[in-house]
Amino acid sequence: MTLVKSSPPPKAQPRKDAPINAEYQEKAKVLLRDMIGGDYAMLAEKLNAMGIEISVRGLENKISRGGFSAAFLLQCMGALDVSDFCVPQDESL
């Protein structure tokens, strides 16, 4: 019996590298910045009170990158007592 050696499967491309993700990361960043009105210290304080340890600088960095999780966005919304929002639809993003 002869074994046939098959080629390895193609390497999967991480979804986070997909171009459409950059657009939605930007929308998430704009949405969160609009919710806090630039007051990172206030949001950091509220998140820390919830048990989510983050510094003001760490929060600024996380939001500026825009690649935060949906869980983090929901935590921020909870801290800000936001229950209703609109996703930015600006085509220039």
PDB file of N, CA and C in Angstrom:
ATOM      1  N   MET A   1       0.847  -1.172   0.000  1.00  0.00           N
ATOM      2  CA  MET A   1       0.000   0.000   0.000  1.00  0.00           C
ATOM      3  C   MET A   1       0.896   1.240   0.000  1.00  0.00           C
ATOM      4  N   THR A   2       0.660   2.135  -0.929  1.00  0.00           N
ATOM      5  CA  THR A   2       1.453   3.348  -1.050  1.00  0.00           C
ATOM      6  C   THR A   2       0.645   4.528  -0.529  1.00  0.00           C
ATOM      7  N   LEU A   3       1.255   5.300   0.368  1.00  0.00           N
ATOM      8  CA  LEU A   3       0.593   6.492   0.904  1.00  0.00           C
ATOM      9  C   LEU A   3       0.855   7.672  -0.017  1.00  0.00           C
ATOM     10  N   VAL A   4      -0.179   8.423  -0.276  1.00  0.00           N
ATOM     11  CA  VAL A   4      -0.055   9.620  -1.106  1.00  0.00           C
ATOM     12  C   VAL A   4       0.067  10.810  -0.165  1.00  0.00           C
ATOM     13  N   LYS A   5       1.128  11.538  -0.324  1.00  0.00           N
ATOM     14  CA  LYS A   5       1.340  12.705   0.520  1.00  0.00           C
ATOM     15  C   LYS A   5       0.566  13.885  -0.061  1.00  0.00           C
ATOM     16  N   SER A   6      -0.296  14.432   0.750  1.00  0.00           N
ATOM     17  CA  SER A   6      -1.090  15.575   0.278  1.00  0.00           C
ATOM     18  C   SER A   6      -0.438  16.869   0.748  1.00  0.00           C
ATOM     19  N   SER A   7      -0.764  17.922   0.062  1.00  0.00           N
ATOM     20  CA  SER A   7      -0.211  19.216   0.442  1.00  0.00           C
ATOM     21  C   SER A   7      -0.970  19.737   1.670  1.00  0.00           C
ATOM     22  N   PRO A   8      -0.310  20.548   2.468  1.00  0.00           N
ATOM     23  CA  PRO A   8      -0.983  21.074   3.659  1.00  0.00           C
ATOM     24  C   PRO A   8      -2.090  22.043   3.254  1.00  0.00           C
ATOM     25  N   PRO A   9      -3.082  22.191   4.103  1.00  0.00           N
ATOM     26  CA  PRO A   9      -4.170  23.138   3.785  1.00  0.00           C
ATOM     27  C   PRO A   9      -3.624  24.560   3.758  1.00  0.00           C
ATOM     28  N   PRO A  10      -4.290  25.450   3.037  1.00  0.00           N
ATOM     29  CA  PRO A  10      -3.818  26.834   2.993  1.00  0.00           C
ATOM     30  C   PRO A  10      -3.921  27.471   4.373  1.00  0.00           C
ATOM     31  N   LYS A  11      -3.023  28.397   4.651  1.00  0.00           N
ATOM     32  CA  LYS A  11      -3.053  29.092   5.933  1.00  0.00           C
ATOM     33  C   LYS A  11      -4.255  30.024   5.969  1.00  0.00           C
ATOM     34  N   ALA A  12      -4.956  29.966   7.080  1.00  0.00           N
ATOM     35  CA  ALA A  12      -6.122  30.836   7.261  1.00  0.00           C
ATOM     36  C   ALA A  12      -5.651  32.261   7.524  1.00  0.00           C
ATOM     37  N   GLN A  13      -6.339  33.199   6.933  1.00  0.00           N
ATOM     38  CA  GLN A  13      -6.037  34.606   7.178  1.00  0.00           C
ATOM     39  C   GLN A  13      -6.870  35.068   8.370  1.00  0.00           C
ATOM     40  N   PRO A  14      -6.257  35.716   9.348  1.00  0.00           N
ATOM     41  CA  PRO A  14      -7.028  36.194  10.496  1.00  0.00           C
ATOM     42  C   PRO A  14      -8.091  37.182  10.050  1.00  0.00           C
ATOM     43  N   ARG A  15      -9.280  37.018  10.578  1.00  0.00           N
ATOM     44  CA  ARG A  15     -10.371  37.932  10.216  1.00  0.00           C
ATOM     45  C   ARG A  15     -10.082  39.345  10.659  1.00  0.00           C
ATOM     46  N   LYS A  16      -9.315  39.488  11.752  1.00  0.00           N
ATOM     47  CA  LYS A  16      -9.042  40.838  12.230  1.00  0.00           C
ATOM     48  C   LYS A  16      -8.264  41.668  11.214  1.00  0.00           C
ATOM     49  N   ASP A  17      -7.604  40.998  10.259  1.00  0.00           N
ATOM     50  CA  ASP A  17      -6.848  41.708   9.227  1.00  0.00           C
ATOM     51  C   ASP A  17      -7.700  42.087   8.016  1.00  0.00           C
ATOM     52  N   ALA A  18      -8.955  41.698   7.999  1.00  0.00           N
ATOM     53  CA  ALA A  18      -9.833  41.993   6.858  1.00  0.00           C
ATOM     54  C   ALA A  18     -10.050  43.509   6.763  1.00  0.00           C
ATOM     55  N   PRO A  19      -9.991  44.064   5.557  1.00  0.00           N
ATOM     56  CA  PRO A  19     -10.135  45.514   5.378  1.00  0.00           C
ATOM     57  C   PRO A  19     -11.429  46.092   5.960  1.00  0.00           C
ATOM     58  N   ILE A  20     -12.504  45.341   5.899  1.00  0.00           N
ATOM     59  CA  ILE A  20     -13.767  45.877   6.418  1.00  0.00           C
ATOM     60  C   ILE A  20     -13.700  46.099   7.926  1.00  0.00           C
ATOM     61  N   ASN A  21     -12.828  45.360   8.608  1.00  0.00           N
ATOM     62  CA  ASN A  21     -12.714  45.537  10.051  1.00  0.00           C
ATOM     63  C   ASN A  21     -12.201  46.922  10.412  1.00  0.00           C
ATOM     64  N   ALA A  22     -11.309  47.475   9.627  1.00  0.00           N
ATOM     65  CA  ALA A  22     -10.783  48.815   9.901  1.00  0.00           C
ATOM     66  C   ALA A  22     -11.919  49.835   9.903  1.00  0.00           C
ATOM     67  N   GLU A  23     -12.842  49.684   8.977  1.00  0.00           N
ATOM     68  CA  GLU A  23     -13.993  50.600   8.909  1.00  0.00           C
ATOM     69  C   GLU A  23     -14.830  50.519  10.178  1.00  0.00           C
ATOM     70  N   TYR A  24     -15.096  49.303  10.635  1.00  0.00           N
ATOM     71  CA  TYR A  24     -15.942  49.142  11.811  1.00  0.00           C
ATOM     72  C   TYR A  24     -15.203  49.433  13.108  1.00  0.00           C
ATOM     73  N   GLN A  25     -13.904  49.252  13.134  1.00  0.00           N
ATOM     74  CA  GLN A  25     -13.124  49.662  14.301  1.00  0.00           C
ATOM     75  C   GLN A  25     -13.189  51.173  14.441  1.00  0.00           C
ATOM     76  N   GLU A  26     -13.112  51.872  13.327  1.00  0.00           N
ATOM     77  CA  GLU A  26     -13.218  53.331  13.343  1.00  0.00           C
ATOM     78  C   GLU A  26     -14.598  53.758  13.840  1.00  0.00           C
ATOM     79  N   LYS A  27     -15.641  53.077  13.389  1.00  0.00           N
ATOM     80  CA  LYS A  27     -16.999  53.401  13.846  1.00  0.00           C
ATOM     81  C   LYS A  27     -17.139  53.167  15.347  1.00  0.00           C
ATOM     82  N   ALA A  28     -16.573  52.086  15.852  1.00  0.00           N
ATOM     83  CA  ALA A  28     -16.637  51.790  17.286  1.00  0.00           C
ATOM     84  C   ALA A  28     -15.902  52.861  18.082  1.00  0.00           C
ATOM     85  N   LYS A  29     -14.754  53.275  17.571  1.00  0.00           N
ATOM     86  CA  LYS A  29     -13.958  54.313  18.227  1.00  0.00           C
ATOM     87  C   LYS A  29     -14.740  55.628  18.283  1.00  0.00           C
ATOM     88  N   VAL A  30     -15.332  56.022  17.159  1.00  0.00           N
ATOM     89  CA  VAL A  30     -16.108  57.263  17.101  1.00  0.00           C
ATOM     90  C   VAL A  30     -17.315  57.174  18.034  1.00  0.00           C
ATOM     91  N   LEU A  31     -17.988  56.052  18.030  1.00  0.00           N
ATOM     92  CA  LEU A  31     -19.156  55.853  18.885  1.00  0.00           C
ATOM     93  C   LEU A  31     -18.786  56.022  20.353  1.00  0.00           C
ATOM     94  N   LEU A  32     -17.726  55.360  20.786  1.00  0.00           N
ATOM     95  CA  LEU A  32     -17.328  55.425  22.192  1.00  0.00           C
ATOM     96  C   LEU A  32     -16.836  56.821  22.556  1.00  0.00           C
ATOM     97  N   ARG A  33     -16.086  57.442  21.667  1.00  0.00           N
ATOM     98  CA  ARG A  33     -15.631  58.814  21.938  1.00  0.00           C
ATOM     99  C   ARG A  33     -16.815  59.771  22.064  1.00  0.00           C
ATOM    100  N   ASP A  34     -17.825  59.595  21.227  1.00  0.00           N
ATOM    101  CA  ASP A  34     -19.024  60.435  21.319  1.00  0.00           C
ATOM    102  C   ASP A  34     -19.741  60.211  22.644  1.00  0.00           C
ATOM    103  N   MET A  35     -19.783  58.963  23.099  1.00  0.00           N
ATOM    104  CA  MET A  35     -20.467  58.654  24.356  1.00  0.00           C
ATOM    105  C   MET A  35     -19.791  59.314  25.553  1.00  0.00           C
ATOM    106  N   ILE A  36     -18.456  59.377  25.532  1.00  0.00           N
ATOM    107  CA  ILE A  36     -17.760  59.929  26.700  1.00  0.00           C
ATOM    108  C   ILE A  36     -17.461  61.415  26.566  1.00  0.00           C
ATOM    109  N   GLY A  37     -17.635  61.950  25.385  1.00  0.00           N
ATOM    110  CA  GLY A  37     -17.395  63.379  25.187  1.00  0.00           C
ATOM    111  C   GLY A  37     -15.970  63.789  25.508  1.00  0.00           C
ATOM    112  N   GLY A  38     -15.021  62.880  25.335  1.00  0.00           N
ATOM    113  CA  GLY A  38     -13.619  63.198  25.581  1.00  0.00           C
ATOM    114  C   GLY A  38     -13.185  63.085  27.035  1.00  0.00           C
ATOM    115  N   ASP A  39     -14.104  62.717  27.930  1.00  0.00           N
ATOM    116  CA  ASP A  39     -13.775  62.626  29.357  1.00  0.00           C
ATOM    117  C   ASP A  39     -13.327  61.206  29.714  1.00  0.00           C
ATOM    118  N   TYR A  40     -12.089  60.900  29.339  1.00  0.00           N
ATOM    119  CA  TYR A  40     -11.540  59.570  29.583  1.00  0.00           C
ATOM    120  C   TYR A  40     -11.403  59.290  31.076  1.00  0.00           C
ATOM    121  N   ALA A  41     -11.065  60.320  31.855  1.00  0.00           N
ATOM    122  CA  ALA A  41     -10.889  60.151  33.301  1.00  0.00           C
ATOM    123  C   ALA A  41     -12.198  59.700  33.952  1.00  0.00           C
ATOM    124  N   MET A  42     -13.307  60.294  33.530  1.00  0.00           N
ATOM    125  CA  MET A  42     -14.607  59.924  34.084  1.00  0.00           C
ATOM    126  C   MET A  42     -14.929  58.474  33.767  1.00  0.00           C
ATOM    127  N   LEU A  43     -14.693  58.056  32.527  1.00  0.00           N
ATOM    128  CA  LEU A  43     -14.989  56.670  32.149  1.00  0.00           C
ATOM    129  C   LEU A  43     -14.067  55.706  32.875  1.00  0.00           C
ATOM    130  N   ALA A  44     -12.787  56.039  32.981  1.00  0.00           N
ATOM    131  CA  ALA A  44     -11.845  55.173  33.701  1.00  0.00           C
ATOM    132  C   ALA A  44     -12.282  55.007  35.151  1.00  0.00           C
ATOM    133  N   GLU A  45     -12.721  56.086  35.767  1.00  0.00           N
ATOM    134  CA  GLU A  45     -13.192  56.036  37.157  1.00  0.00           C
ATOM    135  C   GLU A  45     -14.414  55.126  37.289  1.00  0.00           C
ATOM    136  N   LYS A  46     -15.350  55.258  36.364  1.00  0.00           N
ATOM    137  CA  LYS A  46     -16.563  54.428  36.420  1.00  0.00           C
ATOM    138  C   LYS A  46     -16.253  52.958  36.152  1.00  0.00           C
ATOM    139  N   LEU A  47     -15.342  52.686  35.210  1.00  0.00           N
ATOM    140  CA  LEU A  47     -14.956  51.297  34.940  1.00  0.00           C
ATOM    141  C   LEU A  47     -14.248  50.699  36.145  1.00  0.00           C
ATOM    142  N   ASN A  48     -13.354  51.463  36.773  1.00  0.00           N
ATOM    143  CA  ASN A  48     -12.665  50.984  37.969  1.00  0.00           C
ATOM    144  C   ASN A  48     -13.649  50.693  39.089  1.00  0.00           C
ATOM    145  N   ALA A  49     -14.688  51.513  39.229  1.00  0.00           N
ATOM    146  CA  ALA A  49     -15.709  51.287  40.256  1.00  0.00           C
ATOM    147  C   ALA A  49     -16.473  49.982  40.000  1.00  0.00           C
ATOM    148  N   MET A  50     -16.537  49.573  38.723  1.00  0.00           N
ATOM    149  CA  MET A  50     -17.206  48.314  38.361  1.00  0.00           C
ATOM    150  C   MET A  50     -16.270  47.113  38.545  1.00  0.00           C
ATOM    151  N   GLY A  51     -14.994  47.378  38.865  1.00  0.00           N
ATOM    152  CA  GLY A  51     -14.033  46.295  39.013  1.00  0.00           C
ATOM    153  C   GLY A  51     -13.197  46.048  37.766  1.00  0.00           C
ATOM    154  N   ILE A  52     -13.313  46.919  36.781  1.00  0.00           N
ATOM    155  CA  ILE A  52     -12.528  46.809  35.551  1.00  0.00           C
ATOM    156  C   ILE A  52     -11.356  47.769  35.695  1.00  0.00           C
ATOM    157  N   GLU A  53     -10.185  47.222  36.010  1.00  0.00           N
ATOM    158  CA  GLU A  53      -9.023  48.056  36.282  1.00  0.00           C
ATOM    159  C   GLU A  53      -8.397  48.542  34.978  1.00  0.00           C
ATOM    160  N   ILE A  54      -8.426  49.866  34.810  1.00  0.00           N
ATOM    161  CA  ILE A  54      -7.815  50.482  33.632  1.00  0.00           C
ATOM    162  C   ILE A  54      -7.436  51.908  33.991  1.00  0.00           C
ATOM    163  N   SER A  55      -6.276  52.326  33.540  1.00  0.00           N
ATOM    164  CA  SER A  55      -5.830  53.701  33.787  1.00  0.00           C
ATOM    165  C   SER A  55      -6.410  54.608  32.700  1.00  0.00           C
ATOM    166  N   VAL A  56      -6.354  55.887  32.952  1.00  0.00           N
ATOM    167  CA  VAL A  56      -6.825  56.857  31.959  1.00  0.00           C
ATOM    168  C   VAL A  56      -6.003  56.699  30.674  1.00  0.00           C
ATOM    169  N   ARG A  57      -4.691  56.583  30.822  1.00  0.00           N
ATOM    170  CA  ARG A  57      -3.822  56.433  29.640  1.00  0.00           C
ATOM    171  C   ARG A  57      -4.110  55.126  28.905  1.00  0.00           C
ATOM    172  N   GLY A  58      -4.328  54.054  29.667  1.00  0.00           N
ATOM    173  CA  GLY A  58      -4.654  52.768  29.059  1.00  0.00           C
ATOM    174  C   GLY A  58      -5.965  52.837  28.293  1.00  0.00           C
ATOM    175  N   LEU A  59      -6.933  53.550  28.854  1.00  0.00           N
ATOM    176  CA  LEU A  59      -8.228  53.724  28.198  1.00  0.00           C
ATOM    177  C   LEU A  59      -8.077  54.536  26.916  1.00  0.00           C
ATOM    178  N   GLU A  60      -7.305  55.613  26.985  1.00  0.00           N
ATOM    179  CA  GLU A  60      -7.063  56.421  25.784  1.00  0.00           C
ATOM    180  C   GLU A  60      -6.429  55.577  24.681  1.00  0.00           C
ATOM    181  N   ASN A  61      -5.448  54.775  25.052  1.00  0.00           N
ATOM    182  CA  ASN A  61      -4.777  53.923  24.061  1.00  0.00           C
ATOM    183  C   ASN A  61      -5.729  52.899  23.469  1.00  0.00           C
ATOM    184  N   LYS A  62      -6.508  52.254  24.321  1.00  0.00           N
ATOM    185  CA  LYS A  62      -7.433  51.214  23.858  1.00  0.00           C
ATOM    186  C   LYS A  62      -8.446  51.801  22.879  1.00  0.00           C
ATOM    187  N   ILE A  63      -8.996  52.951  23.219  1.00  0.00           N
ATOM    188  CA  ILE A  63      -9.997  53.574  22.350  1.00  0.00           C
ATOM    189  C   ILE A  63      -9.355  54.085  21.062  1.00  0.00           C
ATOM    190  N   SER A  64      -8.160  54.652  21.145  1.00  0.00           N
ATOM    191  CA  SER A  64      -7.527  55.187  19.931  1.00  0.00           C
ATOM    192  C   SER A  64      -7.188  54.074  18.941  1.00  0.00           C
ATOM    193  N   ARG A  65      -6.869  52.875  19.442  1.00  0.00           N
ATOM    194  CA  ARG A  65      -6.608  51.742  18.540  1.00  0.00           C
ATOM    195  C   ARG A  65      -7.904  51.265  17.898  1.00  0.00           C
ATOM    196  N   GLY A  66      -9.011  51.335  18.626  1.00  0.00           N
ATOM    197  CA  GLY A  66     -10.308  50.949  18.082  1.00  0.00           C
ATOM    198  C   GLY A  66     -10.543  49.455  18.003  1.00  0.00           C
ATOM    199  N   GLY A  67      -9.584  48.641  18.364  1.00  0.00           N
ATOM    200  CA  GLY A  67      -9.728  47.189  18.233  1.00  0.00           C
ATOM    201  C   GLY A  67     -10.196  46.517  19.505  1.00  0.00           C
ATOM    202  N   PHE A  68     -11.008  47.199  20.292  1.00  0.00           N
ATOM    203  CA  PHE A  68     -11.482  46.619  21.542  1.00  0.00           C
ATOM    204  C   PHE A  68     -12.647  45.667  21.283  1.00  0.00           C
ATOM    205  N   SER A  69     -12.911  44.818  22.262  1.00  0.00           N
ATOM    206  CA  SER A  69     -13.944  43.796  22.112  1.00  0.00           C
ATOM    207  C   SER A  69     -15.343  44.387  22.288  1.00  0.00           C
ATOM    208  N   ALA A  70     -16.314  43.635  21.829  1.00  0.00           N
ATOM    209  CA  ALA A  70     -17.714  44.018  22.038  1.00  0.00           C
ATOM    210  C   ALA A  70     -18.015  44.024  23.533  1.00  0.00           C
ATOM    211  N   ALA A  71     -17.398  43.114  24.278  1.00  0.00           N
ATOM    212  CA  ALA A  71     -17.603  43.069  25.726  1.00  0.00           C
ATOM    213  C   ALA A  71     -17.132  44.378  26.362  1.00  0.00           C
ATOM    214  N   PHE A  72     -15.976  44.877  25.922  1.00  0.00           N
ATOM    215  CA  PHE A  72     -15.471  46.142  26.474  1.00  0.00           C
ATOM    216  C   PHE A  72     -16.413  47.288  26.123  1.00  0.00           C
ATOM    217  N   LEU A  73     -16.908  47.321  24.901  1.00  0.00           N
ATOM    218  CA  LEU A  73     -17.860  48.366  24.512  1.00  0.00           C
ATOM    219  C   LEU A  73     -19.104  48.315  25.394  1.00  0.00           C
ATOM    220  N   LEU A  74     -19.614  47.116  25.647  1.00  0.00           N
ATOM    221  CA  LEU A  74     -20.792  46.967  26.501  1.00  0.00           C
ATOM    222  C   LEU A  74     -20.490  47.359  27.945  1.00  0.00           C
ATOM    223  N   GLN A  75     -19.279  47.064  28.418  1.00  0.00           N
ATOM    224  CA  GLN A  75     -18.890  47.484  29.765  1.00  0.00           C
ATOM    225  C   GLN A  75     -18.877  49.006  29.857  1.00  0.00           C
ATOM    226  N   CYS A  76     -18.330  49.647  28.847  1.00  0.00           N
ATOM    227  CA  CYS A  76     -18.306  51.113  28.817  1.00  0.00           C
ATOM    228  C   CYS A  76     -19.721  51.672  28.777  1.00  0.00           C
ATOM    229  N   MET A  77     -20.574  51.075  27.964  1.00  0.00           N
ATOM    230  CA  MET A  77     -21.961  51.532  27.887  1.00  0.00           C
ATOM    231  C   MET A  77     -22.663  51.368  29.228  1.00  0.00           C
ATOM    232  N   GLY A  78     -22.385  50.260  29.907  1.00  0.00           N
ATOM    233  CA  GLY A  78     -22.956  50.053  31.234  1.00  0.00           C
ATOM    234  C   GLY A  78     -22.455  51.086  32.227  1.00  0.00           C
ATOM    235  N   ALA A  79     -21.163  51.362  32.189  1.00  0.00           N
ATOM    236  CA  ALA A  79     -20.575  52.358  33.085  1.00  0.00           C
ATOM    237  C   ALA A  79     -21.166  53.734  32.837  1.00  0.00           C
ATOM    238  N   LEU A  80     -21.467  54.026  31.575  1.00  0.00           N
ATOM    239  CA  LEU A  80     -22.023  55.329  31.198  1.00  0.00           C
ATOM    240  C   LEU A  80     -23.541  55.363  31.267  1.00  0.00           C
ATOM    241  N   ASP A  81     -24.150  54.235  31.606  1.00  0.00           N
ATOM    242  CA  ASP A  81     -25.611  54.100  31.669  1.00  0.00           C
ATOM    243  C   ASP A  81     -26.249  54.448  30.324  1.00  0.00           C
ATOM    244  N   VAL A  82     -25.626  53.959  29.252  1.00  0.00           N
ATOM    245  CA  VAL A  82     -26.129  54.176  27.893  1.00  0.00           C
ATOM    246  C   VAL A  82     -26.932  52.946  27.481  1.00  0.00           C
ATOM    247  N   SER A  83     -28.167  53.161  27.102  1.00  0.00           N
ATOM    248  CA  SER A  83     -28.989  52.029  26.662  1.00  0.00           C
ATOM    249  C   SER A  83     -29.442  52.182  25.210  1.00  0.00           C
ATOM    250  N   ASP A  84     -29.234  53.356  24.649  1.00  0.00           N
ATOM    251  CA  ASP A  84     -29.670  53.613  23.279  1.00  0.00           C
ATOM    252  C   ASP A  84     -28.555  54.370  22.560  1.00  0.00           C
ATOM    253  N   PHE A  85     -28.258  53.959  21.351  1.00  0.00           N
ATOM    254  CA  PHE A  85     -27.211  54.615  20.596  1.00  0.00           C
ATOM    255  C   PHE A  85     -27.431  54.380  19.112  1.00  0.00           C
ATOM    256  N   CYS A  86     -26.754  55.166  18.294  1.00  0.00           N
ATOM    257  CA  CYS A  86     -26.781  55.000  16.840  1.00  0.00           C
ATOM    258  C   CYS A  86     -25.350  54.756  16.365  1.00  0.00           C
ATOM    259  N   VAL A  87     -25.198  53.791  15.488  1.00  0.00           N
ATOM    260  CA  VAL A  87     -23.899  53.505  14.900  1.00  0.00           C
ATOM    261  C   VAL A  87     -23.594  54.615  13.893  1.00  0.00           C
ATOM    262  N   PRO A  88     -22.396  55.200  13.973  1.00  0.00           N
ATOM    263  CA  PRO A  88     -22.045  56.258  13.011  1.00  0.00           C
ATOM    264  C   PRO A  88     -22.164  55.747  11.575  1.00  0.00           C
ATOM    265  N   GLN A  89     -22.804  56.520  10.710  1.00  0.00           N
ATOM    266  CA  GLN A  89     -23.003  56.128   9.324  1.00  0.00           C
ATOM    267  C   GLN A  89     -22.221  56.975   8.355  1.00  0.00           C
ATOM    268  N   ASP A  90     -21.314  57.781   8.863  1.00  0.00           N
ATOM    269  CA  ASP A  90     -20.526  58.668   8.031  1.00  0.00           C
ATOM    270  C   ASP A  90     -19.749  57.863   7.006  1.00  0.00           C
ATOM    271  N   GLU A  91     -19.975  58.125   5.749  1.00  0.00           N
ATOM    272  CA  GLU A  91     -19.318  57.393   4.669  1.00  0.00           C
ATOM    273  C   GLU A  91     -17.828  57.702   4.590  1.00  0.00           C
ATOM    274  N   SER A  92     -17.397  58.798   5.221  1.00  0.00           N
ATOM    275  CA  SER A  92     -15.984  59.166   5.140  1.00  0.00           C
ATOM    276  C   SER A  92     -15.115  58.341   6.078  1.00  0.00           C
ATOM    277  N   LEU A  93     -15.722  57.534   6.941  1.00  0.00           N
ATOM    278  CA  LEU A  93     -14.924  56.727   7.881  1.00  0.00           C
ATOM    279  C   LEU A  93     -14.208  55.611   7.194  1.00  0.00           C
TER     280      LEU A  93
END
